[in-house]
Amino acid sequence: MKIKTNLRRIRFFKEMTQDDLAILSGYDQSLISRLERGNLRETPGLEKMKNKIADVLSLPLEEIFPTRGE
């Protein structure tokens, strides 16, 4: 199942690269890329990653990662 994400659009408006986000979040750039493309499975570790990214971007989790059906 693909993960729906607004991450790429938000990064663009915040003038932030995947590398910038990787450094600030502590996750590898390749994971950020895979998350943006929706190529990661939903796991507890992914939830932790999404929460950290939301904190770094100072946005609600739901704005970056809308729930299914939105």
C-alpha atoms as a PDB file:
ATOM      1  CA  MET A   1       0.000   0.000   0.000  1.00  0.00           C
ATOM      2  CA  LYS A   2       1.316   3.447  -0.948  1.00  0.00           C
ATOM      3  CA  ILE A   3       1.660   6.074   1.773  1.00  0.00           C
ATOM      4  CA  LYS A   4      -0.001   9.327   0.796  1.00  0.00           C
ATOM      5  CA  THR A   5       2.317  12.242   1.546  1.00  0.00           C
ATOM      6  CA  ASN A   6       2.603  15.988   0.978  1.00  0.00           C
ATOM      7  CA  LEU A   7       6.223  15.927   2.075  1.00  0.00           C
ATOM      8  CA  ARG A   8       7.822  16.860  -1.255  1.00  0.00           C
ATOM      9  CA  ARG A   9       5.498  19.851  -1.721  1.00  0.00           C
ATOM     10  CA  ILE A  10       6.088  21.070   1.832  1.00  0.00           C
ATOM     11  CA  ARG A  11       9.857  20.724   1.482  1.00  0.00           C
ATOM     12  CA  PHE A  12       9.710  22.755  -1.729  1.00  0.00           C
ATOM     13  CA  PHE A  13       7.818  25.614  -0.056  1.00  0.00           C
ATOM     14  CA  LYS A  14      10.187  25.561   2.910  1.00  0.00           C
ATOM     15  CA  GLU A  15      13.140  25.614   0.488  1.00  0.00           C
ATOM     16  CA  MET A  16      14.526  22.458   2.020  1.00  0.00           C
ATOM     17  CA  THR A  17      16.309  19.600   0.262  1.00  0.00           C
ATOM     18  CA  GLN A  18      16.018  15.945   1.167  1.00  0.00           C
ATOM     19  CA  ASP A  19      19.554  16.215   2.538  1.00  0.00           C
ATOM     20  CA  ASP A  20      18.536  19.163   4.749  1.00  0.00           C
ATOM     21  CA  LEU A  21      15.585  17.215   6.120  1.00  0.00           C
ATOM     22  CA  ALA A  22      17.725  14.120   6.615  1.00  0.00           C
ATOM     23  CA  ILE A  23      20.281  16.052   8.655  1.00  0.00           C
ATOM     24  CA  LEU A  24      17.640  17.773  10.802  1.00  0.00           C
ATOM     25  CA  SER A  25      15.600  14.614  11.383  1.00  0.00           C
ATOM     26  CA  GLY A  26      18.489  12.193  11.846  1.00  0.00           C
ATOM     27  CA  TYR A  27      17.261   9.877   9.089  1.00  0.00           C
ATOM     28  CA  ASP A  28      19.125   8.904   5.944  1.00  0.00           C
ATOM     29  CA  GLN A  29      18.335  10.855   2.760  1.00  0.00           C
ATOM     30  CA  SER A  30      17.438   7.623   0.966  1.00  0.00           C
ATOM     31  CA  LEU A  31      14.723   6.947   3.565  1.00  0.00           C
ATOM     32  CA  ILE A  32      13.341  10.465   3.080  1.00  0.00           C
ATOM     33  CA  SER A  33      13.234   9.813  -0.673  1.00  0.00           C
ATOM     34  CA  ARG A  34      11.478   6.466  -0.257  1.00  0.00           C
ATOM     35  CA  LEU A  35       8.966   8.038   2.136  1.00  0.00           C
ATOM     36  CA  GLU A  36       8.176  10.823  -0.352  1.00  0.00           C
ATOM     37  CA  ARG A  37       7.546   8.246  -3.069  1.00  0.00           C
ATOM     38  CA  GLY A  38       5.372   6.157  -0.755  1.00  0.00           C
ATOM     39  CA  ASN A  39       7.723   3.180  -0.905  1.00  0.00           C
ATOM     40  CA  LEU A  40       7.856   2.304   2.799  1.00  0.00           C
ATOM     41  CA  ARG A  41       5.596  -0.085   4.684  1.00  0.00           C
ATOM     42  CA  GLU A  42       3.584   1.157   7.647  1.00  0.00           C
ATOM     43  CA  THR A  43       5.472   0.066  10.775  1.00  0.00           C
ATOM     44  CA  PRO A  44       5.952   1.469  14.289  1.00  0.00           C
ATOM     45  CA  GLY A  45       9.376   2.710  13.146  1.00  0.00           C
ATOM     46  CA  LEU A  46       7.800   4.562  10.230  1.00  0.00           C
ATOM     47  CA  GLU A  47       5.326   6.244  12.585  1.00  0.00           C
ATOM     48  CA  LYS A  48       8.245   7.436  14.699  1.00  0.00           C
ATOM     49  CA  MET A  49       9.969   8.775  11.567  1.00  0.00           C
ATOM     50  CA  LYS A  50       6.840  10.608  10.417  1.00  0.00           C
ATOM     51  CA  ASN A  51       6.423  12.201  13.850  1.00  0.00           C
ATOM     52  CA  LYS A  52      10.046  13.357  13.884  1.00  0.00           C
ATOM     53  CA  ILE A  53       9.683  14.877  10.405  1.00  0.00           C
ATOM     54  CA  ALA A  54       6.502  16.679  11.480  1.00  0.00           C
ATOM     55  CA  ASP A  55       8.401  18.092  14.470  1.00  0.00           C
ATOM     56  CA  VAL A  56      11.298  19.232  12.279  1.00  0.00           C
ATOM     57  CA  LEU A  57       8.909  20.918   9.830  1.00  0.00           C
ATOM     58  CA  SER A  58       6.808  22.397  12.668  1.00  0.00           C
ATOM     59  CA  LEU A  59       3.599  21.138  11.095  1.00  0.00           C
ATOM     60  CA  PRO A  60       0.826  18.793  12.211  1.00  0.00           C
ATOM     61  CA  LEU A  61       1.407  15.188  11.204  1.00  0.00           C
ATOM     62  CA  GLU A  62      -1.931  15.122   9.350  1.00  0.00           C
ATOM     63  CA  GLU A  63      -0.889  18.013   7.096  1.00  0.00           C
ATOM     64  CA  ILE A  64       2.188  16.152   5.889  1.00  0.00           C
ATOM     65  CA  PHE A  65       0.752  12.649   5.911  1.00  0.00           C
ATOM     66  CA  PRO A  66      -3.029  12.802   5.338  1.00  0.00           C
ATOM     67  CA  THR A  67      -5.008   9.831   6.526  1.00  0.00           C
ATOM     68  CA  ARG A  68      -6.465   7.557   3.931  1.00  0.00           C
ATOM     69  CA  GLY A  69      -9.472   8.964   2.118  1.00  0.00           C
ATOM     70  CA  GLU A  70      -8.515  12.631   2.500  1.00  0.00           C
END
